[in-house]
Amino acid sequence: MVWEEAAQGFAAMGSEARLKVLKVLVRAGAPGLSVGEIQARTGIAPSTLAHHLRFLAAGGVVLQEKIGRTVINRASYDALEELAQFILSECCADITGKVANDG
């Protein structure tokens, strides 16, 4: 994952409402949820919810699939795992390097 992709993914999650939506989708699992189901679980107004879902999809952390007249939204577990790995990939590197150099 390159810096620009990571920044877009993290920016997509950069509001309380979008984090709430994403957590609801993570809880729902692979089947995902329709916009109406997400609205019922979050209480976010439909027009506002549509905006947040577009932002999450553009950031790659939510996948949307149109089935008939319904749009199913799913958390992109692959993208979320990549973001977690990106931010944690150098965890404690300075500490372990410092200990090795102090020895």
PDB file of N, CA and C in Angstrom:
ATOM      1  N   MET A   1       0.858  -1.181   0.000  1.00  0.00           N
ATOM      2  CA  MET A   1       0.000   0.000   0.000  1.00  0.00           C
ATOM      3  C   MET A   1       0.896   1.234   0.000  1.00  0.00           C
ATOM      4  N   VAL A   2       0.583   2.167  -0.872  1.00  0.00           N
ATOM      5  CA  VAL A   2       1.358   3.397  -0.942  1.00  0.00           C
ATOM      6  C   VAL A   2       0.744   4.457  -0.035  1.00  0.00           C
ATOM      7  N   TRP A   3       1.521   5.482   0.258  1.00  0.00           N
ATOM      8  CA  TRP A   3       1.098   6.528   1.181  1.00  0.00           C
ATOM      9  C   TRP A   3      -0.229   7.164   0.771  1.00  0.00           C
ATOM     10  N   GLU A   4      -0.407   7.443  -0.524  1.00  0.00           N
ATOM     11  CA  GLU A   4      -1.625   8.110  -0.980  1.00  0.00           C
ATOM     12  C   GLU A   4      -2.867   7.252  -0.727  1.00  0.00           C
ATOM     13  N   GLU A   5      -2.770   5.943  -1.009  1.00  0.00           N
ATOM     14  CA  GLU A   5      -3.899   5.042  -0.754  1.00  0.00           C
ATOM     15  C   GLU A   5      -4.216   4.978   0.732  1.00  0.00           C
ATOM     16  N   ALA A   6      -3.176   4.895   1.548  1.00  0.00           N
ATOM     17  CA  ALA A   6      -3.381   4.843   3.002  1.00  0.00           C
ATOM     18  C   ALA A   6      -4.046   6.121   3.485  1.00  0.00           C
ATOM     19  N   ALA A   7      -3.582   7.260   2.994  1.00  0.00           N
ATOM     20  CA  ALA A   7      -4.161   8.540   3.409  1.00  0.00           C
ATOM     21  C   ALA A   7      -5.639   8.620   3.029  1.00  0.00           C
ATOM     22  N   GLN A   8      -5.992   8.137   1.834  1.00  0.00           N
ATOM     23  CA  GLN A   8      -7.392   8.151   1.404  1.00  0.00           C
ATOM     24  C   GLN A   8      -8.245   7.242   2.284  1.00  0.00           C
ATOM     25  N   GLY A   9      -7.718   6.070   2.605  1.00  0.00           N
ATOM     26  CA  GLY A   9      -8.456   5.144   3.453  1.00  0.00           C
ATOM     27  C   GLY A   9      -8.686   5.700   4.845  1.00  0.00           C
ATOM     28  N   PHE A  10      -7.629   6.265   5.434  1.00  0.00           N
ATOM     29  CA  PHE A  10      -7.777   6.839   6.774  1.00  0.00           C
ATOM     30  C   PHE A  10      -8.666   8.072   6.759  1.00  0.00           C
ATOM     31  N   ALA A  11      -8.560   8.890   5.710  1.00  0.00           N
ATOM     32  CA  ALA A  11      -9.410  10.080   5.599  1.00  0.00           C
ATOM     33  C   ALA A  11     -10.881   9.684   5.497  1.00  0.00           C
ATOM     34  N   ALA A  12     -11.158   8.588   4.795  1.00  0.00           N
ATOM     35  CA  ALA A  12     -12.539   8.133   4.649  1.00  0.00           C
ATOM     36  C   ALA A  12     -13.164   7.801   5.997  1.00  0.00           C
ATOM     37  N   MET A  13     -12.341   7.395   6.939  1.00  0.00           N
ATOM     38  CA  MET A  13     -12.848   7.050   8.268  1.00  0.00           C
ATOM     39  C   MET A  13     -12.764   8.231   9.229  1.00  0.00           C
ATOM     40  N   GLY A  14     -12.485   9.421   8.692  1.00  0.00           N
ATOM     41  CA  GLY A  14     -12.151  10.568   9.512  1.00  0.00           C
ATOM     42  C   GLY A  14     -13.294  11.346  10.126  1.00  0.00           C
ATOM     43  N   SER A  15     -14.412  10.725  10.373  1.00  0.00           N
ATOM     44  CA  SER A  15     -15.485  11.406  11.106  1.00  0.00           C
ATOM     45  C   SER A  15     -16.190  10.387  11.993  1.00  0.00           C
ATOM     46  N   GLU A  16     -16.795  10.889  13.043  1.00  0.00           N
ATOM     47  CA  GLU A  16     -17.513  10.012  13.973  1.00  0.00           C
ATOM     48  C   GLU A  16     -18.633   9.252  13.259  1.00  0.00           C
ATOM     49  N   ALA A  17     -19.367   9.940  12.393  1.00  0.00           N
ATOM     50  CA  ALA A  17     -20.485   9.301  11.685  1.00  0.00           C
ATOM     51  C   ALA A  17     -19.992   8.193  10.764  1.00  0.00           C
ATOM     52  N   ARG A  18     -18.905   8.447  10.023  1.00  0.00           N
ATOM     53  CA  ARG A  18     -18.398   7.418   9.113  1.00  0.00           C
ATOM     54  C   ARG A  18     -17.831   6.236   9.881  1.00  0.00           C
ATOM     55  N   LEU A  19     -17.184   6.496  11.002  1.00  0.00           N
ATOM     56  CA  LEU A  19     -16.711   5.382  11.832  1.00  0.00           C
ATOM     57  C   LEU A  19     -17.882   4.552  12.347  1.00  0.00           C
ATOM     58  N   LYS A  20     -18.952   5.225  12.714  1.00  0.00           N
ATOM     59  CA  LYS A  20     -20.151   4.529  13.194  1.00  0.00           C
ATOM     60  C   LYS A  20     -20.714   3.626  12.096  1.00  0.00           C
ATOM     61  N   VAL A  21     -20.813   4.150  10.886  1.00  0.00           N
ATOM     62  CA  VAL A  21     -21.313   3.378   9.747  1.00  0.00           C
ATOM     63  C   VAL A  21     -20.406   2.183   9.485  1.00  0.00           C
ATOM     64  N   LEU A  22     -19.112   2.419   9.487  1.00  0.00           N
ATOM     65  CA  LEU A  22     -18.159   1.345   9.217  1.00  0.00           C
ATOM     66  C   LEU A  22     -18.240   0.255  10.280  1.00  0.00           C
ATOM     67  N   LYS A  23     -18.359   0.641  11.538  1.00  0.00           N
ATOM     68  CA  LYS A  23     -18.482  -0.359  12.610  1.00  0.00           C
ATOM     69  C   LYS A  23     -19.755  -1.195  12.432  1.00  0.00           C
ATOM     70  N   VAL A  24     -20.842  -0.561  12.022  1.00  0.00           N
ATOM     71  CA  VAL A  24     -22.096  -1.288  11.775  1.00  0.00           C
ATOM     72  C   VAL A  24     -21.892  -2.295  10.646  1.00  0.00           C
ATOM     73  N   LEU A  25     -21.167  -1.890   9.609  1.00  0.00           N
ATOM     74  CA  LEU A  25     -20.928  -2.806   8.485  1.00  0.00           C
ATOM     75  C   LEU A  25     -19.975  -3.930   8.873  1.00  0.00           C
ATOM     76  N   VAL A  26     -18.993  -3.641   9.690  1.00  0.00           N
ATOM     77  CA  VAL A  26     -18.088  -4.695  10.166  1.00  0.00           C
ATOM     78  C   VAL A  26     -18.877  -5.711  10.991  1.00  0.00           C
ATOM     79  N   ARG A  27     -19.771  -5.226  11.849  1.00  0.00           N
ATOM     80  CA  ARG A  27     -20.603  -6.128  12.666  1.00  0.00           C
ATOM     81  C   ARG A  27     -21.518  -6.989  11.798  1.00  0.00           C
ATOM     82  N   ALA A  28     -21.984  -6.429  10.682  1.00  0.00           N
ATOM     83  CA  ALA A  28     -22.922  -7.146   9.807  1.00  0.00           C
ATOM     84  C   ALA A  28     -22.250  -8.295   9.066  1.00  0.00           C
ATOM     85  N   GLY A  29     -20.945  -8.217   8.882  1.00  0.00           N
ATOM     86  CA  GLY A  29     -20.229  -9.295   8.214  1.00  0.00           C
ATOM     87  C   GLY A  29     -20.396  -9.278   6.711  1.00  0.00           C
ATOM     88  N   ALA A  30     -20.041 -10.386   6.098  1.00  0.00           N
ATOM     89  CA  ALA A  30     -20.000 -10.511   4.635  1.00  0.00           C
ATOM     90  C   ALA A  30     -21.335 -10.233   3.935  1.00  0.00           C
ATOM     91  N   PRO A  31     -22.496 -10.574   4.526  1.00  0.00           N
ATOM     92  CA  PRO A  31     -23.753 -10.286   3.818  1.00  0.00           C
ATOM     93  C   PRO A  31     -23.987  -8.796   3.572  1.00  0.00           C
ATOM     94  N   GLY A  32     -23.428  -7.939   4.431  1.00  0.00           N
ATOM     95  CA  GLY A  32     -23.602  -6.497   4.266  1.00  0.00           C
ATOM     96  C   GLY A  32     -24.996  -6.047   4.630  1.00  0.00           C
ATOM     97  N   LEU A  33     -25.254  -4.773   4.373  1.00  0.00           N
ATOM     98  CA  LEU A  33     -26.537  -4.165   4.731  1.00  0.00           C
ATOM     99  C   LEU A  33     -26.980  -3.200   3.642  1.00  0.00           C
ATOM    100  N   SER A  34     -28.286  -3.061   3.510  1.00  0.00           N
ATOM    101  CA  SER A  34     -28.837  -2.044   2.610  1.00  0.00           C
ATOM    102  C   SER A  34     -28.721  -0.686   3.301  1.00  0.00           C
ATOM    103  N   VAL A  35     -28.912   0.355   2.536  1.00  0.00           N
ATOM    104  CA  VAL A  35     -28.861   1.707   3.096  1.00  0.00           C
ATOM    105  C   VAL A  35     -29.923   1.856   4.186  1.00  0.00           C
ATOM    106  N   GLY A  36     -31.114   1.326   3.944  1.00  0.00           N
ATOM    107  CA  GLY A  36     -32.188   1.404   4.930  1.00  0.00           C
ATOM    108  C   GLY A  36     -31.831   0.712   6.239  1.00  0.00           C
ATOM    109  N   GLU A  37     -31.178  -0.438   6.135  1.00  0.00           N
ATOM    110  CA  GLU A  37     -30.766  -1.163   7.338  1.00  0.00           C
ATOM    111  C   GLU A  37     -29.695  -0.391   8.109  1.00  0.00           C
ATOM    112  N   ILE A  38     -28.774   0.217   7.375  1.00  0.00           N
ATOM    113  CA  ILE A  38     -27.737   1.014   8.037  1.00  0.00           C
ATOM    114  C   ILE A  38     -28.384   2.216   8.721  1.00  0.00           C
ATOM    115  N   GLN A  39     -29.326   2.851   8.030  1.00  0.00           N
ATOM    116  CA  GLN A  39     -30.010   4.015   8.593  1.00  0.00           C
ATOM    117  C   GLN A  39     -30.747   3.641   9.872  1.00  0.00           C
ATOM    118  N   ALA A  40     -31.410   2.489   9.869  1.00  0.00           N
ATOM    119  CA  ALA A  40     -32.143   2.043  11.055  1.00  0.00           C
ATOM    120  C   ALA A  40     -31.205   1.775  12.232  1.00  0.00           C
ATOM    121  N   ARG A  41     -30.002   1.283  11.947  1.00  0.00           N
ATOM    122  CA  ARG A  41     -29.054   0.947  13.018  1.00  0.00           C
ATOM    123  C   ARG A  41     -28.252   2.149  13.511  1.00  0.00           C
ATOM    124  N   THR A  42     -28.129   3.178  12.671  1.00  0.00           N
ATOM    125  CA  THR A  42     -27.313   4.329  13.065  1.00  0.00           C
ATOM    126  C   THR A  42     -28.130   5.567  13.400  1.00  0.00           C
ATOM    127  N   GLY A  43     -29.324   5.666  12.832  1.00  0.00           N
ATOM    128  CA  GLY A  43     -30.135   6.863  13.044  1.00  0.00           C
ATOM    129  C   GLY A  43     -29.675   8.059  12.219  1.00  0.00           C
ATOM    130  N   ILE A  44     -28.760   7.825  11.281  1.00  0.00           N
ATOM    131  CA  ILE A  44     -28.269   8.907  10.433  1.00  0.00           C
ATOM    132  C   ILE A  44     -29.292   9.168   9.328  1.00  0.00           C
ATOM    133  N   ALA A  45     -29.590  10.432   9.077  1.00  0.00           N
ATOM    134  CA  ALA A  45     -30.567  10.805   8.045  1.00  0.00           C
ATOM    135  C   ALA A  45     -30.142  10.231   6.692  1.00  0.00           C
ATOM    136  N   PRO A  46     -31.109   9.770   5.892  1.00  0.00           N
ATOM    137  CA  PRO A  46     -30.788   9.117   4.615  1.00  0.00           C
ATOM    138  C   PRO A  46     -29.867   9.912   3.694  1.00  0.00           C
ATOM    139  N   SER A  47     -30.107  11.215   3.526  1.00  0.00           N
ATOM    140  CA  SER A  47     -29.255  11.992   2.618  1.00  0.00           C
ATOM    141  C   SER A  47     -27.832  12.112   3.175  1.00  0.00           C
ATOM    142  N   THR A  48     -27.712  12.283   4.464  1.00  0.00           N
ATOM    143  CA  THR A  48     -26.392  12.356   5.098  1.00  0.00           C
ATOM    144  C   THR A  48     -25.693  11.012   5.018  1.00  0.00           C
ATOM    145  N   LEU A  49     -26.446   9.948   5.233  1.00  0.00           N
ATOM    146  CA  LEU A  49     -25.889   8.597   5.169  1.00  0.00           C
ATOM    147  C   LEU A  49     -25.355   8.303   3.771  1.00  0.00           C
ATOM    148  N   ALA A  50     -26.090   8.699   2.744  1.00  0.00           N
ATOM    149  CA  ALA A  50     -25.642   8.478   1.368  1.00  0.00           C
ATOM    150  C   ALA A  50     -24.300   9.171   1.130  1.00  0.00           C
ATOM    151  N   HIS A  51     -24.151  10.377   1.650  1.00  0.00           N
ATOM    152  CA  HIS A  51     -22.887  11.116   1.531  1.00  0.00           C
ATOM    153  C   HIS A  51     -21.746  10.353   2.212  1.00  0.00           C
ATOM    154  N   HIS A  52     -21.993   9.879   3.421  1.00  0.00           N
ATOM    155  CA  HIS A  52     -20.955   9.156   4.167  1.00  0.00           C
ATOM    156  C   HIS A  52     -20.588   7.838   3.476  1.00  0.00           C
ATOM    157  N   LEU A  53     -21.573   7.145   2.946  1.00  0.00           N
ATOM    158  CA  LEU A  53     -21.294   5.893   2.243  1.00  0.00           C
ATOM    159  C   LEU A  53     -20.469   6.128   0.979  1.00  0.00           C
ATOM    160  N   ARG A  54     -20.770   7.198   0.252  1.00  0.00           N
ATOM    161  CA  ARG A  54     -19.968   7.536  -0.934  1.00  0.00           C
ATOM    162  C   ARG A  54     -18.519   7.815  -0.535  1.00  0.00           C
ATOM    163  N   PHE A  55     -18.337   8.530   0.555  1.00  0.00           N
ATOM    164  CA  PHE A  55     -16.992   8.872   1.029  1.00  0.00           C
ATOM    165  C   PHE A  55     -16.240   7.609   1.436  1.00  0.00           C
ATOM    166  N   LEU A  56     -16.908   6.711   2.158  1.00  0.00           N
ATOM    167  CA  LEU A  56     -16.284   5.445   2.583  1.00  0.00           C
ATOM    168  C   LEU A  56     -15.948   4.573   1.377  1.00  0.00           C
ATOM    169  N   ALA A  57     -16.838   4.537   0.393  1.00  0.00           N
ATOM    170  CA  ALA A  57     -16.579   3.745  -0.817  1.00  0.00           C
ATOM    171  C   ALA A  57     -15.415   4.337  -1.612  1.00  0.00           C
ATOM    172  N   ALA A  58     -15.361   5.658  -1.721  1.00  0.00           N
ATOM    173  CA  ALA A  58     -14.268   6.308  -2.450  1.00  0.00           C
ATOM    174  C   ALA A  58     -12.925   6.046  -1.767  1.00  0.00           C
ATOM    175  N   GLY A  59     -12.946   5.905  -0.449  1.00  0.00           N
ATOM    176  CA  GLY A  59     -11.727   5.598   0.296  1.00  0.00           C
ATOM    177  C   GLY A  59     -11.356   4.131   0.267  1.00  0.00           C
ATOM    178  N   GLY A  60     -12.226   3.312  -0.330  1.00  0.00           N
ATOM    179  CA  GLY A  60     -11.933   1.894  -0.490  1.00  0.00           C
ATOM    180  C   GLY A  60     -12.228   1.018   0.706  1.00  0.00           C
ATOM    181  N   VAL A  61     -12.836   1.583   1.750  1.00  0.00           N
ATOM    182  CA  VAL A  61     -13.096   0.775   2.946  1.00  0.00           C
ATOM    183  C   VAL A  61     -14.501   0.180   2.972  1.00  0.00           C
ATOM    184  N   VAL A  62     -15.345   0.600   2.025  1.00  0.00           N
ATOM    185  CA  VAL A  62     -16.690   0.038   1.876  1.00  0.00           C
ATOM    186  C   VAL A  62     -16.880  -0.342   0.413  1.00  0.00           C
ATOM    187  N   LEU A  63     -17.452  -1.520   0.204  1.00  0.00           N
ATOM    188  CA  LEU A  63     -17.787  -1.999  -1.138  1.00  0.00           C
ATOM    189  C   LEU A  63     -19.290  -1.902  -1.303  1.00  0.00           C
ATOM    190  N   GLN A  64     -19.737  -1.457  -2.475  1.00  0.00           N
ATOM    191  CA  GLN A  64     -21.156  -1.339  -2.749  1.00  0.00           C
ATOM    192  C   GLN A  64     -21.509  -2.181  -3.959  1.00  0.00           C
ATOM    193  N   GLU A  65     -22.627  -2.897  -3.839  1.00  0.00           N
ATOM    194  CA  GLU A  65     -23.096  -3.749  -4.924  1.00  0.00           C
ATOM    195  C   GLU A  65     -24.585  -3.512  -5.111  1.00  0.00           C
ATOM    196  N   LYS A  66     -24.960  -3.197  -6.341  1.00  0.00           N
ATOM    197  CA  LYS A  66     -26.378  -2.986  -6.643  1.00  0.00           C
ATOM    198  C   LYS A  66     -27.004  -4.324  -6.996  1.00  0.00           C
ATOM    199  N   ILE A  67     -28.044  -4.676  -6.264  1.00  0.00           N
ATOM    200  CA  ILE A  67     -28.788  -5.907  -6.517  1.00  0.00           C
ATOM    201  C   ILE A  67     -30.240  -5.483  -6.733  1.00  0.00           C
ATOM    202  N   GLY A  68     -30.644  -5.502  -7.993  1.00  0.00           N
ATOM    203  CA  GLY A  68     -31.978  -4.987  -8.317  1.00  0.00           C
ATOM    204  C   GLY A  68     -32.012  -3.492  -8.028  1.00  0.00           C
ATOM    205  N   ARG A  69     -32.925  -3.079  -7.161  1.00  0.00           N
ATOM    206  CA  ARG A  69     -33.037  -1.665  -6.802  1.00  0.00           C
ATOM    207  C   ARG A  69     -32.370  -1.363  -5.470  1.00  0.00           C
ATOM    208  N   THR A  70     -31.741  -2.361  -4.886  1.00  0.00           N
ATOM    209  CA  THR A  70     -31.122  -2.209  -3.574  1.00  0.00           C
ATOM    210  C   THR A  70     -29.606  -2.164  -3.697  1.00  0.00           C
ATOM    211  N   VAL A  71     -28.992  -1.265  -2.942  1.00  0.00           N
ATOM    212  CA  VAL A  71     -27.535  -1.205  -2.877  1.00  0.00           C
ATOM    213  C   VAL A  71     -27.103  -1.851  -1.564  1.00  0.00           C
ATOM    214  N   ILE A  72     -26.309  -2.909  -1.681  1.00  0.00           N
ATOM    215  CA  ILE A  72     -25.771  -3.595  -0.507  1.00  0.00           C
ATOM    216  C   ILE A  72     -24.371  -3.041  -0.239  1.00  0.00           C
ATOM    217  N   ASN A  73     -24.149  -2.684   1.005  1.00  0.00           N
ATOM    218  CA  ASN A  73     -22.872  -2.116   1.434  1.00  0.00           C
ATOM    219  C   ASN A  73     -22.170  -3.115   2.337  1.00  0.00           C
ATOM    220  N   ARG A  74     -20.878  -3.301   2.086  1.00  0.00           N
ATOM    221  CA  ARG A  74     -20.083  -4.232   2.895  1.00  0.00           C
ATOM    222  C   ARG A  74     -18.775  -3.565   3.275  1.00  0.00           C
ATOM    223  N   ALA A  75     -18.297  -3.883   4.452  1.00  0.00           N
ATOM    224  CA  ALA A  75     -16.958  -3.447   4.836  1.00  0.00           C
ATOM    225  C   ALA A  75     -15.957  -4.173   3.950  1.00  0.00           C
ATOM    226  N   SER A  76     -14.943  -3.467   3.504  1.00  0.00           N
ATOM    227  CA  SER A  76     -13.880  -4.092   2.717  1.00  0.00           C
ATOM    228  C   SER A  76     -12.810  -4.566   3.696  1.00  0.00           C
ATOM    229  N   TYR A  77     -12.939  -5.803   4.125  1.00  0.00           N
ATOM    230  CA  TYR A  77     -12.016  -6.340   5.126  1.00  0.00           C
ATOM    231  C   TYR A  77     -10.579  -6.354   4.620  1.00  0.00           C
ATOM    232  N   ASP A  78     -10.391  -6.606   3.329  1.00  0.00           N
ATOM    233  CA  ASP A  78      -9.037  -6.587   2.769  1.00  0.00           C
ATOM    234  C   ASP A  78      -8.412  -5.201   2.919  1.00  0.00           C
ATOM    235  N   ALA A  79      -9.166  -4.159   2.567  1.00  0.00           N
ATOM    236  CA  ALA A  79      -8.649  -2.794   2.669  1.00  0.00           C
ATOM    237  C   ALA A  79      -8.387  -2.418   4.120  1.00  0.00           C
ATOM    238  N   LEU A  80      -9.287  -2.814   5.014  1.00  0.00           N
ATOM    239  CA  LEU A  80      -9.100  -2.492   6.432  1.00  0.00           C
ATOM    240  C   LEU A  80      -7.879  -3.198   7.010  1.00  0.00           C
ATOM    241  N   GLU A  81      -7.669  -4.434   6.598  1.00  0.00           N
ATOM    242  CA  GLU A  81      -6.470  -5.155   7.048  1.00  0.00           C
ATOM    243  C   GLU A  81      -5.206  -4.508   6.502  1.00  0.00           C
ATOM    244  N   GLU A  82      -5.246  -4.066   5.238  1.00  0.00           N
ATOM    245  CA  GLU A  82      -4.084  -3.384   4.650  1.00  0.00           C
ATOM    246  C   GLU A  82      -3.774  -2.088   5.396  1.00  0.00           C
ATOM    247  N   LEU A  83      -4.818  -1.336   5.760  1.00  0.00           N
ATOM    248  CA  LEU A  83      -4.602  -0.096   6.504  1.00  0.00           C
ATOM    249  C   LEU A  83      -4.005  -0.375   7.876  1.00  0.00           C
ATOM    250  N   ALA A  84      -4.519  -1.401   8.533  1.00  0.00           N
ATOM    251  CA  ALA A  84      -3.968  -1.769   9.847  1.00  0.00           C
ATOM    252  C   ALA A  84      -2.511  -2.183   9.714  1.00  0.00           C
ATOM    253  N   GLN A  85      -2.214  -2.975   8.709  1.00  0.00           N
ATOM    254  CA  GLN A  85      -0.832  -3.415   8.487  1.00  0.00           C
ATOM    255  C   GLN A  85       0.063  -2.233   8.146  1.00  0.00           C
ATOM    256  N   PHE A  86      -0.451  -1.308   7.342  1.00  0.00           N
ATOM    257  CA  PHE A  86       0.326  -0.132   6.962  1.00  0.00           C
ATOM    258  C   PHE A  86       0.744   0.667   8.193  1.00  0.00           C
ATOM    259  N   ILE A  87      -0.209   0.897   9.089  1.00  0.00           N
ATOM    260  CA  ILE A  87       0.080   1.746  10.240  1.00  0.00           C
ATOM    261  C   ILE A  87       0.921   1.005  11.288  1.00  0.00           C
ATOM    262  N   LEU A  88       0.824  -0.317  11.326  1.00  0.00           N
ATOM    263  CA  LEU A  88       1.549  -1.088  12.334  1.00  0.00           C
ATOM    264  C   LEU A  88       2.838  -1.722  11.822  1.00  0.00           C
ATOM    265  N   SER A  89       3.129  -1.574  10.552  1.00  0.00           N
ATOM    266  CA  SER A  89       4.251  -2.297   9.948  1.00  0.00           C
ATOM    267  C   SER A  89       5.608  -1.977  10.563  1.00  0.00           C
ATOM    268  N   GLU A  90       5.753  -0.812  11.104  1.00  0.00           N
ATOM    269  CA  GLU A  90       7.037  -0.460  11.696  1.00  0.00           C
ATOM    270  C   GLU A  90       6.936  -0.300  13.206  1.00  0.00           C
ATOM    271  N   CYS A  91       5.956  -0.970  13.777  1.00  0.00           N
ATOM    272  CA  CYS A  91       5.736  -0.884  15.217  1.00  0.00           C
ATOM    273  C   CYS A  91       7.019  -1.201  15.982  1.00  0.00           C
ATOM    274  N   CYS A  92       7.382  -0.288  16.814  1.00  0.00           N
ATOM    275  CA  CYS A  92       8.490  -0.462  17.759  1.00  0.00           C
ATOM    276  C   CYS A  92       9.855  -0.602  17.094  1.00  0.00           C
ATOM    277  N   ALA A  93       9.966  -0.269  15.812  1.00  0.00           N
ATOM    278  CA  ALA A  93      11.235  -0.414  15.096  1.00  0.00           C
ATOM    279  C   ALA A  93      12.334   0.417  15.733  1.00  0.00           C
ATOM    280  N   ASP A  94      12.016   1.608  16.201  1.00  0.00           N
ATOM    281  CA  ASP A  94      13.032   2.445  16.837  1.00  0.00           C
ATOM    282  C   ASP A  94      13.472   1.875  18.178  1.00  0.00           C
ATOM    283  N   ILE A  95      12.550   1.263  18.899  1.00  0.00           N
ATOM    284  CA  ILE A  95      12.893   0.695  20.203  1.00  0.00           C
ATOM    285  C   ILE A  95      13.809  -0.510  20.036  1.00  0.00           C
ATOM    286  N   THR A  96      13.450  -1.419  19.122  1.00  0.00           N
ATOM    287  CA  THR A  96      14.268  -2.610  18.943  1.00  0.00           C
ATOM    288  C   THR A  96      15.631  -2.251  18.362  1.00  0.00           C
ATOM    289  N   GLY A  97      15.664  -1.266  17.480  1.00  0.00           N
ATOM    290  CA  GLY A  97      16.950  -0.814  16.936  1.00  0.00           C
ATOM    291  C   GLY A  97      17.810  -0.157  18.012  1.00  0.00           C
ATOM    292  N   LYS A  98      17.169   0.595  18.891  1.00  0.00           N
ATOM    293  CA  LYS A  98      17.882   1.281  19.968  1.00  0.00           C
ATOM    294  C   LYS A  98      18.471   0.265  20.950  1.00  0.00           C
ATOM    295  N   VAL A  99      17.677  -0.740  21.309  1.00  0.00           N
ATOM    296  CA  VAL A  99      18.146  -1.776  22.237  1.00  0.00           C
ATOM    297  C   VAL A  99      19.325  -2.528  21.622  1.00  0.00           C
ATOM    298  N   ALA A 100      19.215  -2.844  20.327  1.00  0.00           N
ATOM    299  CA  ALA A 100      20.298  -3.575  19.674  1.00  0.00           C
ATOM    300  C   ALA A 100      21.563  -2.741  19.631  1.00  0.00           C
ATOM    301  N   ASN A 101      21.419  -1.425  19.416  1.00  0.00           N
ATOM    302  CA  ASN A 101      22.592  -0.563  19.342  1.00  0.00           C
ATOM    303  C   ASN A 101      23.182  -0.276  20.715  1.00  0.00           C
ATOM    304  N   ASP A 102      22.347  -0.338  21.762  1.00  0.00           N
ATOM    305  CA  ASP A 102      22.831  -0.083  23.120  1.00  0.00           C
ATOM    306  C   ASP A 102      23.592  -1.271  23.689  1.00  0.00           C
ATOM    307  N   GLY A 103      23.366  -2.446  23.121  1.00  0.00           N
ATOM    308  CA  GLY A 103      23.912  -3.690  23.662  1.00  0.00           C
ATOM    309  C   GLY A 103      25.337  -3.817  23.370  1.00  0.00           C
TER     310      GLY A 103
END
